[in-house]
Amino acid sequence: MQKRKLGKSNLEVSAIGLGCMGMSFSYGPPKDKTEMTALLRAAVDRGVTFFDTTEVYGPFTNEELVGEALAPFRKQVVIATKFGFDLSGSDRRPGAAGLNSRPEQIKQAVEGSLKRLKVEMIDLLYQHRVDPNVPIEDVAGAVKELIQQGKVKHFGLSEAGVKTIRRAHAVQPLTALQSEYSLWTRTPEKEVIPALEELGIGFVPYSPLGKGFLTGKIDENAKFDSTDFRSTLPRFTPEALKANQALIDLLGKIGQRKKATPAQIALAWLLAQKPWIVPIPGTTKLHRLDENIGAVSVELTPEDLREIDTAASKITVQGARYPEKLEQLTGR
């Protein structure tokens, strides 16, 4: 597995990481713990060293799963987790749970994450969503203290806007930004990616396969269970799925030429954008893990990339990526 460095931080991780959310949360009922432990360990065997979780997945159960599964490989892997939701109430789903990034809450969240992950130091700690009620300088200051105390190694933000990134980075240098980025969500290209390049901050795209859509296995006849959060997303209505099929046709066409799947082309496209971009596709299936890892070997030439860009620029993606309430939590 190739390695990449996240920005100027010297945090080196596998070129493709593993998003762990779906193992416990969001995409239907939680998966079998024994199977998911085997999958996490299979990822390590295949050279994946970068794993993404957070306290809110479950809540708490995903960190426990990741911590237990990866305990034997602690020195080989980098585990990223997040804070920022208030999990003291009864309804603790993201979006239902309110935001809370007050310094005392961050410190409390970190203590919980350290225990569940069975680690003495968190490799990479993100603010999950920007809290408009807490100045980002206070958030960065609290993380800076945790870094000084040896409880956290690297600081990151998720779904933050450029002004917030700059303000946080001035207090405690950021190692990474995690935001949605893929061929059907290209918002970061406008302002965020140039700012990250200027500041030397790595970029970790989540949902790099468009929450499964860019695998080519989802069409307008797809049915989502009520426990699958895609059932609430405007971009996953039958009309939007039908309209957005043009993207799959494009990926499929390039894939045929490269002897690769649509998912592999989508990931290879992301990897080709910048050398400090590390996507974290999630999966609960071993064959999908192997398919995703295979994207690292797919080489897209400048001509291929131009062809993809030209064709993609003629496709207007239909449907917002989140319901309005959750969309408001992004880009602040």
Protein backbone atom coordinates (compact mmCIF):
# COMPACT_ATOMS: atom_id res chain seq x y z
CA MET A 1 0.00 0.00 0.00
CA GLN A 2 1.32 3.43 -0.92
CA LYS A 3 1.67 6.00 1.86
CA ARG A 4 0.83 9.69 1.87
CA LYS A 5 1.60 12.57 4.21
CA LEU A 6 -1.21 14.80 5.42
CA GLY A 7 0.03 18.29 4.59
CA LYS A 8 3.20 19.56 6.24
CA SER A 9 2.51 17.66 9.45
CA ASN A 10 4.53 14.56 8.58
CA LEU A 11 1.57 12.42 9.64
CA GLU A 12 2.04 9.49 7.27
CA VAL A 13 -0.92 7.22 6.52
CA SER A 14 -1.97 4.69 3.88
CA ALA A 15 -3.09 6.37 0.63
CA ILE A 16 -6.60 5.05 1.28
CA GLY A 17 -8.02 4.90 4.79
CA LEU A 18 -11.11 3.16 6.16
CA GLY A 19 -14.21 4.99 7.36
CA CYS A 20 -15.73 2.88 10.14
CA MET A 21 -19.13 4.58 10.66
CA GLY A 22 -21.24 2.08 8.73
CA MET A 23 -20.06 -0.79 10.90
CA SER A 24 -22.11 0.50 13.84
CA PHE A 25 -24.35 3.24 12.59
CA SER A 26 -26.25 5.06 9.81
CA TYR A 27 -26.33 2.44 7.05
CA GLY A 28 -28.96 0.12 8.51
CA PRO A 29 -28.69 -1.85 11.78
CA PRO A 30 -25.26 -2.28 13.44
CA LYS A 31 -23.23 -5.08 11.88
CA ASP A 32 -21.94 -8.18 13.67
CA LYS A 33 -19.06 -7.26 15.98
CA THR A 34 -17.01 -10.39 15.27
CA GLU A 35 -17.30 -9.87 11.51
CA MET A 36 -16.38 -6.19 11.76
CA THR A 37 -13.38 -6.98 13.97
CA ALA A 38 -12.20 -9.44 11.31
CA LEU A 39 -12.72 -6.79 8.61
CA LEU A 40 -10.72 -4.14 10.52
CA ARG A 41 -7.87 -6.60 11.03
CA ALA A 42 -8.01 -7.65 7.36
CA ALA A 43 -7.58 -3.97 6.47
CA VAL A 44 -4.41 -3.81 8.58
CA ASP A 45 -3.14 -6.99 6.87
CA ARG A 46 -3.65 -5.26 3.51
CA GLY A 47 -1.64 -2.22 4.53
CA VAL A 48 -4.41 0.19 5.61
CA THR A 49 -3.04 2.27 8.48
CA PHE A 50 -5.66 5.06 8.73
CA PHE A 51 -9.00 4.45 10.49
CA ASP A 52 -11.78 6.96 11.06
CA THR A 53 -14.33 6.87 13.87
CA THR A 54 -16.03 9.22 16.36
CA GLU A 55 -17.90 9.12 19.65
CA VAL A 56 -21.25 9.90 17.98
CA TYR A 57 -21.25 6.73 15.82
CA GLY A 58 -23.46 4.46 17.85
CA PRO A 59 -23.01 6.57 19.97
CA PHE A 60 -19.80 5.23 21.49
CA THR A 61 -20.04 1.67 20.10
CA ASN A 62 -17.96 2.39 16.99
CA GLU A 63 -15.02 3.72 18.99
CA GLU A 64 -15.25 0.63 21.24
CA LEU A 65 -15.24 -1.68 18.20
CA VAL A 66 -12.29 0.11 16.56
CA GLY A 67 -10.34 0.28 19.83
CA GLU A 68 -10.75 -3.41 20.56
CA ALA A 69 -10.11 -4.61 16.99
CA LEU A 70 -6.99 -2.51 16.50
CA ALA A 71 -5.46 -2.90 19.98
CA PRO A 72 -2.92 -5.54 18.80
CA PHE A 73 -1.74 -3.20 16.01
CA ARG A 74 -1.58 0.02 17.98
CA LYS A 75 1.93 0.96 16.83
CA GLN A 76 1.12 0.35 13.15
CA VAL A 77 -2.08 2.36 12.81
CA VAL A 78 -3.37 5.94 12.97
CA ILE A 79 -6.84 6.31 14.50
CA ALA A 80 -8.79 9.53 13.96
CA THR A 81 -11.79 10.43 16.10
CA LYS A 82 -13.96 13.52 16.65
CA PHE A 83 -15.76 15.64 19.24
CA GLY A 84 -18.43 18.28 18.90
CA PHE A 85 -21.87 16.82 19.58
CA ASP A 86 -23.61 16.97 22.94
CA LEU A 87 -24.30 13.34 23.79
CA SER A 88 -25.85 13.89 27.20
CA GLY A 89 -29.48 13.82 25.93
CA SER A 90 -31.57 10.79 24.99
CA ASP A 91 -31.58 11.37 21.20
CA ARG A 92 -27.94 11.24 20.27
CA ARG A 93 -27.90 10.99 16.49
CA PRO A 94 -25.82 13.64 14.69
CA GLY A 95 -28.18 16.41 13.78
CA ALA A 96 -30.50 15.39 16.63
CA ALA A 97 -27.78 15.82 19.23
CA GLY A 98 -26.94 19.51 19.52
CA LEU A 99 -23.49 20.88 18.86
CA ASN A 100 -21.19 21.44 21.82
CA SER A 101 -17.54 22.40 21.43
CA ARG A 102 -17.06 24.19 24.73
CA PRO A 103 -13.52 23.54 26.01
CA GLU A 104 -14.72 21.56 29.05
CA GLN A 105 -16.88 19.38 26.76
CA ILE A 106 -13.90 18.73 24.44
CA LYS A 107 -11.76 17.60 27.36
CA GLN A 108 -14.54 15.33 28.63
CA ALA A 109 -15.07 13.87 25.13
CA VAL A 110 -11.35 13.14 24.78
CA GLU A 111 -11.24 11.27 28.10
CA GLY A 112 -14.10 9.07 26.88
CA SER A 113 -12.48 8.48 23.48
CA LEU A 114 -9.13 7.54 25.04
CA LYS A 115 -10.84 4.86 27.15
CA ARG A 116 -12.97 3.44 24.34
CA LEU A 117 -10.11 3.42 21.84
CA LYS A 118 -7.82 1.84 24.45
CA VAL A 119 -5.06 4.37 23.70
CA GLU A 120 -2.98 6.84 25.68
CA MET A 121 -2.95 9.40 22.87
CA ILE A 122 -5.41 10.21 20.07
CA ASP A 123 -3.51 10.36 16.76
CA LEU A 124 -5.84 12.82 15.05
CA LEU A 125 -8.69 14.68 16.74
CA TYR A 126 -11.24 16.53 14.62
CA GLN A 127 -13.94 18.97 15.58
CA HIS A 128 -16.87 17.12 13.99
CA ARG A 129 -18.86 20.23 13.06
CA VAL A 130 -18.14 23.90 13.68
CA ASP A 131 -20.06 25.19 16.72
CA PRO A 132 -21.25 28.76 16.04
CA ASN A 133 -21.61 29.35 19.80
CA VAL A 134 -17.94 28.76 20.61
CA PRO A 135 -15.17 30.86 19.02
CA ILE A 136 -12.93 28.57 16.99
CA GLU A 137 -9.92 30.09 18.81
CA ASP A 138 -11.29 28.60 22.06
CA VAL A 139 -11.69 25.21 20.41
CA ALA A 140 -8.17 25.30 18.96
CA GLY A 141 -6.83 26.48 22.33
CA ALA A 142 -8.46 23.55 24.14
CA VAL A 143 -6.98 21.07 21.65
CA LYS A 144 -3.60 22.80 21.93
CA GLU A 145 -3.69 22.13 25.70
CA LEU A 146 -4.56 18.48 25.08
CA ILE A 147 -1.61 18.24 22.67
CA GLN A 148 0.68 19.78 25.30
CA GLN A 149 -0.62 17.23 27.82
CA GLY A 150 0.24 14.37 25.44
CA LYS A 151 -3.39 13.26 25.04
CA VAL A 152 -3.72 14.30 21.39
CA LYS A 153 -1.15 14.30 18.61
CA HIS A 154 -2.78 16.11 15.68
CA PHE A 155 -5.71 18.54 15.28
CA GLY A 156 -8.26 18.62 12.49
CA LEU A 157 -11.58 20.19 11.51
CA SER A 158 -14.50 18.71 9.59
CA GLU A 159 -16.74 20.58 7.13
CA ALA A 160 -15.26 23.95 8.13
CA GLY A 161 -15.18 27.03 5.90
CA VAL A 162 -11.96 28.81 4.90
CA LYS A 163 -12.21 31.65 7.46
CA THR A 164 -12.65 29.14 10.29
CA ILE A 165 -9.75 27.03 9.00
CA ARG A 166 -7.45 30.07 8.98
CA ARG A 167 -8.49 31.23 12.46
CA ALA A 168 -8.05 27.76 13.99
CA HIS A 169 -4.72 27.17 12.21
CA ALA A 170 -3.33 30.42 13.66
CA VAL A 171 -3.87 29.09 17.21
CA GLN A 172 -3.00 25.41 16.73
CA PRO A 173 -1.73 24.25 13.32
CA LEU A 174 -4.18 21.92 11.61
CA THR A 175 -2.99 18.60 10.22
CA ALA A 176 -6.12 17.77 8.25
CA LEU A 177 -9.56 18.89 7.15
CA GLN A 178 -12.19 16.21 6.69
CA SER A 179 -15.09 17.13 4.42
CA GLU A 180 -17.22 15.45 1.82
CA TYR A 181 -15.51 15.45 -1.58
CA SER A 182 -16.07 13.28 -4.62
CA LEU A 183 -17.06 13.57 -8.25
CA TRP A 184 -20.60 14.39 -7.15
CA THR A 185 -19.66 16.83 -4.35
CA ARG A 186 -17.01 19.20 -5.64
CA THR A 187 -17.66 22.25 -3.44
CA PRO A 188 -14.20 22.11 -1.73
CA GLU A 189 -12.45 22.82 -5.04
CA LYS A 190 -13.55 26.44 -5.08
CA GLU A 191 -11.98 27.85 -1.91
CA VAL A 192 -11.09 25.09 0.53
CA ILE A 193 -8.50 23.09 -1.43
CA PRO A 194 -6.49 26.19 -2.47
CA ALA A 195 -6.45 27.35 1.19
CA LEU A 196 -5.32 23.92 2.41
CA GLU A 197 -2.53 23.90 -0.17
CA GLU A 198 -1.39 27.36 0.92
CA LEU A 199 -1.40 26.43 4.62
CA GLY A 200 0.06 22.94 4.23
CA ILE A 201 -2.99 21.10 5.61
CA GLY A 202 -3.95 17.61 4.41
CA PHE A 203 -7.42 16.76 3.10
CA VAL A 204 -9.40 13.67 4.07
CA PRO A 205 -12.50 13.27 1.88
CA TYR A 206 -15.32 11.33 3.53
CA SER A 207 -18.07 9.73 1.42
CA PRO A 208 -15.57 9.60 -1.48
CA LEU A 209 -17.92 7.13 -3.18
CA GLY A 210 -20.97 9.35 -2.72
CA LYS A 211 -22.40 7.26 0.15
CA GLY A 212 -22.30 4.23 -2.16
CA PHE A 213 -23.78 5.86 -5.25
CA LEU A 214 -20.49 6.05 -7.17
CA THR A 215 -20.03 2.28 -6.94
CA GLY A 216 -22.66 2.00 -9.69
CA LYS A 217 -24.73 -0.41 -7.60
CA ILE A 218 -27.53 2.04 -6.73
CA ASP A 219 -30.21 3.12 -9.22
CA GLU A 220 -33.63 4.78 -8.98
CA ASN A 221 -35.23 1.49 -7.86
CA ALA A 222 -33.05 1.34 -4.73
CA LYS A 223 -35.01 0.98 -1.50
CA PHE A 224 -33.51 2.26 1.76
CA ASP A 225 -34.61 0.99 5.15
CA SER A 226 -35.68 3.60 7.74
CA THR A 227 -32.48 2.76 9.70
CA ASP A 228 -30.43 3.82 6.65
CA PHE A 229 -29.88 7.57 6.77
CA ARG A 230 -29.81 7.75 2.96
CA SER A 231 -33.61 7.38 3.17
CA THR A 232 -33.65 11.01 4.41
CA LEU A 233 -31.24 12.50 1.85
CA PRO A 234 -32.57 14.60 -1.06
CA ARG A 235 -29.85 13.20 -3.32
CA PHE A 236 -31.17 9.66 -2.82
CA THR A 237 -34.75 10.22 -3.99
CA PRO A 238 -35.63 8.07 -7.06
CA GLU A 239 -35.72 11.21 -9.26
CA ALA A 240 -32.26 12.38 -8.16
CA LEU A 241 -30.76 8.89 -8.46
CA LYS A 242 -32.12 8.62 -11.99
CA ALA A 243 -30.81 12.07 -12.99
CA ASN A 244 -27.37 11.43 -11.48
CA GLN A 245 -26.88 8.11 -13.32
CA ALA A 246 -24.93 10.06 -15.97
CA LEU A 247 -21.98 10.18 -13.53
CA ILE A 248 -21.99 6.38 -13.24
CA ASP A 249 -22.03 6.06 -17.02
CA LEU A 250 -18.95 8.27 -17.17
CA LEU A 251 -17.09 6.29 -14.47
CA GLY A 252 -18.09 3.02 -16.13
CA LYS A 253 -16.78 4.18 -19.51
CA ILE A 254 -13.37 5.15 -18.10
CA GLY A 255 -13.39 1.99 -15.97
CA GLN A 256 -13.81 -0.28 -18.98
CA ARG A 257 -10.76 1.26 -20.57
CA LYS A 258 -8.69 0.92 -17.38
CA LYS A 259 -10.09 -2.52 -16.41
CA ALA A 260 -11.35 -0.96 -13.18
CA THR A 261 -14.73 -0.57 -11.45
CA PRO A 262 -16.62 2.75 -11.23
CA ALA A 263 -15.68 2.91 -7.50
CA GLN A 264 -11.99 2.48 -8.31
CA ILE A 265 -12.12 5.25 -10.92
CA ALA A 266 -13.89 7.56 -8.44
CA LEU A 267 -11.19 6.94 -5.81
CA ALA A 268 -8.32 7.12 -8.30
CA TRP A 269 -9.71 10.48 -9.47
CA LEU A 270 -9.56 11.81 -5.90
CA LEU A 271 -6.02 10.50 -5.36
CA ALA A 272 -4.94 12.21 -8.59
CA GLN A 273 -6.18 15.64 -7.44
CA LYS A 274 -3.42 16.30 -4.85
CA PRO A 275 -0.68 14.16 -3.25
CA TRP A 276 -1.95 15.13 0.22
CA ILE A 277 -5.51 13.89 -0.28
CA VAL A 278 -6.40 10.66 1.55
CA PRO A 279 -9.96 9.38 0.98
CA ILE A 280 -11.62 7.21 3.64
CA PRO A 281 -14.24 5.04 1.92
CA GLY A 282 -16.33 3.07 4.39
CA THR A 283 -17.38 -0.53 3.92
CA THR A 284 -18.59 -3.55 5.88
CA LYS A 285 -17.61 -6.09 3.20
CA LEU A 286 -14.21 -7.64 2.53
CA HIS A 287 -14.61 -7.69 -1.27
CA ARG A 288 -15.43 -3.98 -1.23
CA LEU A 289 -12.38 -3.29 0.96
CA ASP A 290 -10.23 -5.08 -1.63
CA GLU A 291 -11.90 -3.20 -4.46
CA ASN A 292 -11.30 0.16 -2.77
CA ILE A 293 -7.65 -0.64 -2.01
CA GLY A 294 -7.25 -1.63 -5.67
CA ALA A 295 -7.90 2.00 -6.66
CA VAL A 296 -4.36 2.87 -5.54
CA SER A 297 -2.99 0.92 -8.54
CA VAL A 298 -5.27 2.64 -11.09
CA GLU A 299 -3.32 5.29 -12.93
CA LEU A 300 -5.25 8.11 -14.54
CA THR A 301 -3.24 10.06 -17.11
CA PRO A 302 -3.61 13.85 -17.52
CA GLU A 303 -5.72 13.04 -20.62
CA ASP A 304 -8.00 10.74 -18.58
CA LEU A 305 -8.41 13.44 -15.93
CA ARG A 306 -9.22 16.08 -18.55
CA GLU A 307 -11.78 13.78 -20.12
CA ILE A 308 -13.43 13.11 -16.74
CA ASP A 309 -13.48 16.84 -15.89
CA THR A 310 -14.91 17.85 -19.25
CA ALA A 311 -17.64 15.23 -19.11
CA ALA A 312 -18.41 15.84 -15.42
CA SER A 313 -18.70 19.60 -15.97
CA LYS A 314 -21.67 18.91 -18.30
CA ILE A 315 -23.48 16.90 -15.61
CA THR A 316 -25.51 18.85 -13.07
CA VAL A 317 -25.82 16.77 -9.92
CA GLN A 318 -29.44 16.75 -8.70
CA GLY A 319 -30.49 16.92 -5.03
CA ALA A 320 -28.92 18.51 -1.95
CA ARG A 321 -26.47 16.25 -0.10
CA TYR A 322 -28.22 16.73 3.27
CA PRO A 323 -31.64 17.83 4.54
CA GLU A 324 -31.58 21.57 5.27
CA LYS A 325 -31.00 21.20 9.01
CA LEU A 326 -27.82 19.16 8.50
CA GLU A 327 -26.70 21.21 5.49
CA GLN A 328 -26.60 24.25 7.79
CA LEU A 329 -23.87 22.56 9.85
CA THR A 330 -21.43 22.54 6.91
CA GLY A 331 -19.10 25.16 5.47
CA ARG A 332 -19.17 27.46 8.50
